[in-house]
Amino acid sequence: MYHGIRSSLTEGNLMEKLKGMLIARDRLRLEGLCPPEPDPSSGENGLTARDVKKLLRASQMDMVKAKLRQIPKDWISYPEFVQICNESCSNDEEEGVKFAKMLDDSGDVVVLGNAVCLHPEQLMKAFQCLIPFTFLHPNGSRWKELEELEKQKEEIDRNAESLVRRELCFGLGYFVVQTATFMRLTFWELSWDVMEPICFYVTSIYFIFGYSFFLMTSKEPSFKGFFQSRFNSKQKKLFTVRNFDIHRYHELRRGLYPYSSGPLENSLSFFAHSKEYCR
């Protein structure tokens, strides 16, 4: 059988026999199968020009946000804000204005006239602190109780401050008398040779008092630190004498001003910083 197939293949022209079998006519033609031509607007990784623009815009936006986070101030002027956006857009004023509008629309900053708030979360906290939770119920019993406690606390604070200032006035008088006494002893009664070690030891005693004050209060031994320490001490004593419930006062403030992390004056001062830009 093998010899028969071999002999049939060797006899005559092989190509003529293949043509006779119509193999050449029905064979698969692969000449037309070729990869599509690359899009001239796409990059090496298949990114189109539109995708590249999106990535570039996102990178520039991150640069603008990073620069704004590095600014320690809460408020800046609108021209300064636009200038920061221009610097991240290769000094393109049109693109800088677009970026400024995008940041305002996205809520990353808040533009109020000519002022720009760089920390919207602080702005919202301050705003919510100015509008108490009991605004809808101004006649509530808790609101009236808080008003009464605030009046008592204001009076206690005034009395405590008055007592501390009185102590400071006595301290000023003491130092004036001490200085006059040392001058009298140095130039009339005794001599500098005698008064020099005395002045040294008196100064050392004052230094010891200042260091002890720092150890006991963990505050800087300054006039302001001493005033605040004495004020807190007098305030606590007056709270006890007048039976003022400070815990109830803080509880009511937390309930009626849930977004307030400090005194109301802090929220007012936050808005006050924007006045210089809104003029």
Protein backbone atom coordinates (compact mmCIF):
# COMPACT_ATOMS: atom_id res chain seq x y z
CA MET A 1 0.00 0.00 0.00
CA TYR A 2 2.81 2.42 0.92
CA HIS A 3 4.56 1.72 -2.38
CA GLY A 4 1.31 2.50 -4.22
CA ILE A 5 0.87 5.94 -2.59
CA ARG A 6 4.52 6.78 -3.22
CA SER A 7 4.30 5.82 -6.82
CA SER A 8 1.16 7.90 -7.29
CA LEU A 9 2.87 10.98 -5.85
CA THR A 10 5.94 10.63 -7.99
CA GLU A 11 4.08 10.07 -11.22
CA GLY A 12 3.42 13.28 -13.13
CA ASN A 13 3.55 16.76 -11.85
CA LEU A 14 2.46 17.14 -8.23
CA MET A 15 1.16 20.66 -8.72
CA GLU A 16 -1.09 19.60 -11.57
CA LYS A 17 -2.63 16.94 -9.40
CA LEU A 18 -3.21 19.45 -6.60
CA LYS A 19 -4.89 21.82 -9.01
CA GLY A 20 -7.01 18.96 -10.21
CA MET A 21 -8.17 18.38 -6.68
CA LEU A 22 -9.14 22.14 -6.43
CA ILE A 23 -7.05 22.62 -3.33
CA ALA A 24 -5.42 25.74 -4.60
CA ARG A 25 -8.87 27.28 -5.34
CA ASP A 26 -10.44 26.65 -1.90
CA ARG A 27 -7.46 27.23 0.36
CA LEU A 28 -7.57 29.87 3.09
CA ARG A 29 -6.16 33.22 2.06
CA LEU A 30 -4.41 34.94 4.99
CA GLU A 31 -3.01 37.87 3.07
CA GLY A 32 -5.85 40.17 4.18
CA LEU A 33 -5.51 39.36 7.90
CA CYS A 34 -3.33 42.16 9.33
CA PRO A 35 -3.45 44.19 12.56
CA PRO A 36 -5.36 47.50 12.44
CA GLU A 37 -3.40 50.63 11.93
CA PRO A 38 -2.62 52.47 15.19
CA ASP A 39 -4.66 55.55 16.05
CA PRO A 40 -2.41 58.59 15.58
CA SER A 41 -4.07 60.34 18.58
CA SER A 42 -3.25 57.48 20.99
CA GLY A 43 0.01 56.94 22.84
CA GLU A 44 2.16 53.90 23.30
CA ASN A 45 -0.05 52.51 26.07
CA GLY A 46 -3.30 53.08 24.19
CA LEU A 47 -4.03 56.45 25.90
CA THR A 48 -5.79 59.02 23.81
CA ALA A 49 -5.00 62.72 23.87
CA ARG A 50 -8.15 63.26 25.91
CA ASP A 51 -6.95 60.76 28.54
CA VAL A 52 -3.57 62.47 28.73
CA LYS A 53 -5.28 65.83 29.29
CA LYS A 54 -7.35 64.33 32.11
CA LEU A 55 -4.25 62.93 33.80
CA LEU A 56 -2.43 66.24 33.43
CA ARG A 57 -5.37 68.16 34.86
CA ALA A 58 -5.60 65.76 37.82
CA SER A 59 -1.87 66.17 38.48
CA GLN A 60 -2.15 69.95 38.38
CA MET A 61 -5.16 69.83 40.68
CA ASP A 62 -3.19 67.79 43.23
CA MET A 63 -0.37 70.33 43.04
CA VAL A 64 -2.79 73.17 43.76
CA LYS A 65 -4.32 71.33 46.73
CA ALA A 66 -0.86 70.53 48.13
CA LYS A 67 0.14 74.21 47.95
CA LEU A 68 -3.08 75.29 49.64
CA ARG A 69 -2.55 72.78 52.47
CA GLN A 70 0.88 74.27 53.14
CA ILE A 71 -0.58 77.73 53.81
CA PRO A 72 -0.90 78.19 57.60
CA LYS A 73 -3.62 80.85 57.32
CA ASP A 74 -7.36 80.11 57.27
CA TRP A 75 -8.22 82.97 54.90
CA ILE A 76 -6.49 84.41 51.84
CA SER A 77 -7.56 86.95 49.25
CA TYR A 78 -9.11 85.81 45.98
CA PRO A 79 -6.31 87.29 43.77
CA GLU A 80 -3.76 85.40 45.86
CA PHE A 81 -5.82 82.23 45.45
CA VAL A 82 -5.96 82.64 41.66
CA GLN A 83 -2.21 83.31 41.59
CA ILE A 84 -1.54 80.00 43.32
CA CYS A 85 -3.69 78.24 40.72
CA ASN A 86 -1.83 80.04 37.91
CA GLU A 87 1.54 78.87 39.20
CA SER A 88 0.40 75.26 39.00
CA CYS A 89 -0.89 75.79 35.44
CA SER A 90 2.34 77.17 33.97
CA ASN A 91 1.16 80.77 34.55
CA ASP A 92 -1.88 80.28 32.31
CA GLU A 93 -4.41 82.80 33.67
CA GLU A 94 -7.38 81.23 31.92
CA GLU A 95 -6.58 77.77 33.27
CA GLY A 96 -5.89 79.23 36.71
CA VAL A 97 -9.34 80.80 36.85
CA LYS A 98 -10.89 77.49 35.76
CA PHE A 99 -9.03 75.63 38.51
CA ALA A 100 -10.14 78.21 41.07
CA LYS A 101 -13.78 77.74 40.02
CA MET A 102 -13.42 73.94 40.10
CA LEU A 103 -12.04 74.05 43.66
CA ASP A 104 -14.88 76.32 44.73
CA ASP A 105 -17.53 74.11 43.10
CA SER A 106 -16.06 70.92 44.59
CA GLY A 107 -16.10 72.35 48.13
CA ASP A 108 -12.34 72.13 48.69
CA VAL A 109 -12.38 75.88 49.37
CA VAL A 110 -15.15 78.41 50.00
CA VAL A 111 -15.07 81.69 48.10
CA LEU A 112 -16.92 84.51 49.86
CA GLY A 113 -16.58 87.68 47.84
CA ASN A 114 -12.91 88.63 47.82
CA ALA A 115 -12.02 86.19 50.60
CA VAL A 116 -11.23 82.49 50.26
CA CYS A 117 -11.56 80.08 53.19
CA LEU A 118 -8.98 77.30 52.91
CA HIS A 119 -10.58 75.12 55.62
CA PRO A 120 -14.30 74.71 54.88
CA GLU A 121 -14.72 72.24 57.74
CA GLN A 122 -13.68 74.90 60.26
CA LEU A 123 -16.00 77.38 58.59
CA MET A 124 -18.94 75.00 59.00
CA LYS A 125 -18.09 74.30 62.64
CA ALA A 126 -17.87 78.01 63.40
CA PHE A 127 -21.14 78.67 61.57
CA GLN A 128 -22.92 75.84 63.39
CA CYS A 129 -21.58 77.15 66.69
CA LEU A 130 -23.11 80.57 66.02
CA ILE A 131 -26.48 78.95 65.31
CA PRO A 132 -27.34 76.83 68.39
CA PHE A 133 -29.34 73.66 68.19
CA THR A 134 -32.12 75.29 70.21
CA PHE A 135 -32.66 77.98 67.61
CA LEU A 136 -35.88 76.18 66.70
CA HIS A 137 -36.94 76.11 70.36
CA PRO A 138 -35.83 79.44 71.85
CA ASN A 139 -38.25 79.08 74.76
CA GLY A 140 -37.00 75.68 75.92
CA SER A 141 -36.28 75.11 79.59
CA ARG A 142 -32.71 74.00 78.93
CA TRP A 143 -32.04 77.15 76.94
CA LYS A 144 -33.31 79.34 79.79
CA GLU A 145 -31.25 77.36 82.28
CA LEU A 146 -28.12 77.86 80.20
CA GLU A 147 -28.78 81.60 79.91
CA GLU A 148 -29.08 81.86 83.69
CA LEU A 149 -25.87 79.90 84.23
CA GLU A 150 -24.04 82.03 81.68
CA LYS A 151 -25.07 85.19 83.52
CA GLN A 152 -23.81 83.74 86.80
CA LYS A 153 -20.55 82.65 85.21
CA GLU A 154 -19.96 86.07 83.65
CA GLU A 155 -20.38 87.71 87.05
CA ILE A 156 -18.03 85.16 88.66
CA ASP A 157 -15.43 85.76 85.93
CA ARG A 158 -15.60 89.52 86.46
CA ASN A 159 -15.15 89.12 90.22
CA ALA A 160 -12.27 86.68 89.78
CA GLU A 161 -10.51 89.02 87.37
CA SER A 162 -11.00 91.92 89.77
CA LEU A 163 -9.44 89.95 92.64
CA VAL A 164 -6.45 88.92 90.52
CA ARG A 165 -5.83 92.48 89.35
CA ARG A 166 -5.94 93.61 92.96
CA GLU A 167 -3.26 91.06 93.83
CA LEU A 168 -1.15 92.25 90.90
CA CYS A 169 -1.44 95.84 92.10
CA PHE A 170 -0.22 94.77 95.54
CA GLY A 171 2.66 92.97 93.82
CA LEU A 172 3.58 96.11 91.91
CA GLY A 173 3.58 98.11 95.13
CA TYR A 174 5.78 95.49 96.80
CA PHE A 175 8.41 95.67 94.06
CA VAL A 176 8.39 99.48 94.11
CA VAL A 177 8.95 99.50 97.88
CA GLN A 178 11.66 96.82 97.61
CA THR A 179 13.52 98.71 94.88
CA ALA A 180 13.35 101.98 96.85
CA THR A 181 14.58 100.20 100.00
CA PHE A 182 17.53 98.62 98.18
CA MET A 183 18.45 101.99 96.67
CA ARG A 184 18.34 103.61 100.13
CA LEU A 185 20.50 100.87 101.65
CA THR A 186 22.97 100.90 98.78
CA PHE A 187 23.67 104.66 98.53
CA TRP A 188 22.91 105.97 102.02
CA GLU A 189 22.75 103.39 104.81
CA LEU A 190 25.19 100.72 103.60
CA SER A 191 27.37 100.20 100.53
CA TRP A 192 27.27 98.16 97.32
CA ASP A 193 29.78 95.69 98.79
CA VAL A 194 27.19 94.76 101.39
CA MET A 195 24.12 94.94 99.15
CA GLU A 196 25.57 92.98 96.22
CA PRO A 197 25.28 89.50 97.82
CA ILE A 198 21.87 90.45 99.24
CA CYS A 199 20.57 91.37 95.76
CA PHE A 200 22.04 88.17 94.38
CA TYR A 201 20.26 85.98 96.92
CA VAL A 202 16.95 87.83 96.49
CA THR A 203 17.17 87.30 92.72
CA SER A 204 17.93 83.61 93.27
CA ILE A 205 14.87 83.30 95.48
CA TYR A 206 12.70 84.80 92.73
CA PHE A 207 14.15 82.32 90.26
CA ILE A 208 13.31 79.45 92.63
CA PHE A 209 9.76 80.73 92.94
CA GLY A 210 9.42 80.89 89.14
CA TYR A 211 10.77 77.38 88.70
CA SER A 212 8.43 76.06 91.41
CA PHE A 213 5.51 77.78 89.69
CA PHE A 214 6.37 75.95 86.46
CA LEU A 215 6.59 72.58 88.26
CA MET A 216 3.22 73.01 89.95
CA THR A 217 1.22 74.50 87.07
CA SER A 218 3.12 73.32 83.93
CA LYS A 219 2.82 76.90 82.66
CA GLU A 220 5.45 79.34 81.54
CA PRO A 221 6.59 81.50 84.49
CA SER A 222 5.48 84.78 82.94
CA PHE A 223 3.09 87.55 83.94
CA LYS A 224 0.44 86.13 81.63
CA GLY A 225 0.90 82.61 82.99
CA PHE A 226 0.77 83.87 86.58
CA PHE A 227 -2.39 85.87 85.83
CA GLN A 228 -4.13 82.87 84.26
CA SER A 229 -3.13 80.61 87.13
CA ARG A 230 -4.42 83.01 89.77
CA PHE A 231 -7.60 83.62 87.74
CA ASN A 232 -8.37 79.88 87.58
CA SER A 233 -7.76 79.56 91.31
CA LYS A 234 -10.04 82.47 92.19
CA GLN A 235 -12.67 81.23 89.75
CA LYS A 236 -12.79 77.77 91.34
CA LYS A 237 -13.13 79.28 94.81
CA LEU A 238 -16.01 81.49 93.68
CA PHE A 239 -17.68 78.48 92.04
CA THR A 240 -17.63 76.73 95.39
CA VAL A 241 -18.74 79.76 97.43
CA ARG A 242 -21.69 80.54 95.13
CA ASN A 243 -22.66 76.90 94.50
CA PHE A 244 -22.20 77.23 90.75
CA ASP A 245 -22.61 73.86 88.99
CA ILE A 246 -19.85 74.02 86.40
CA HIS A 247 -20.46 70.42 85.28
CA ARG A 248 -24.10 71.21 84.50
CA TYR A 249 -22.98 74.31 82.61
CA HIS A 250 -20.62 72.31 80.37
CA GLU A 251 -23.28 69.63 79.88
CA LEU A 252 -25.80 72.19 78.64
CA ARG A 253 -23.27 73.81 76.32
CA ARG A 254 -22.37 70.46 74.77
CA GLY A 255 -26.06 69.68 74.28
CA LEU A 256 -27.15 73.06 72.93
CA TYR A 257 -23.94 73.84 71.01
CA PRO A 258 -22.98 70.34 69.76
CA TYR A 259 -20.48 71.64 67.18
CA SER A 260 -18.74 74.08 69.47
CA SER A 261 -15.26 72.91 70.55
CA GLY A 262 -14.48 76.11 72.48
CA PRO A 263 -15.89 79.43 73.58
CA LEU A 264 -18.18 81.35 71.31
CA GLU A 265 -15.52 84.02 70.91
CA ASN A 266 -13.34 81.56 68.96
CA SER A 267 -16.03 81.21 66.30
CA LEU A 268 -16.47 84.97 66.07
CA SER A 269 -12.72 85.49 65.73
CA PHE A 270 -12.64 82.92 62.90
CA PHE A 271 -15.09 85.04 60.89
CA ALA A 272 -13.28 88.24 61.90
CA HIS A 273 -10.15 87.16 60.00
CA SER A 274 -12.08 87.34 56.73
CA LYS A 275 -13.01 91.02 57.14
CA GLU A 276 -9.60 92.28 55.97
CA TYR A 277 -10.08 90.45 52.64
CA CYS A 278 -13.72 91.40 52.13
CA ARG A 279 -13.06 95.14 52.13
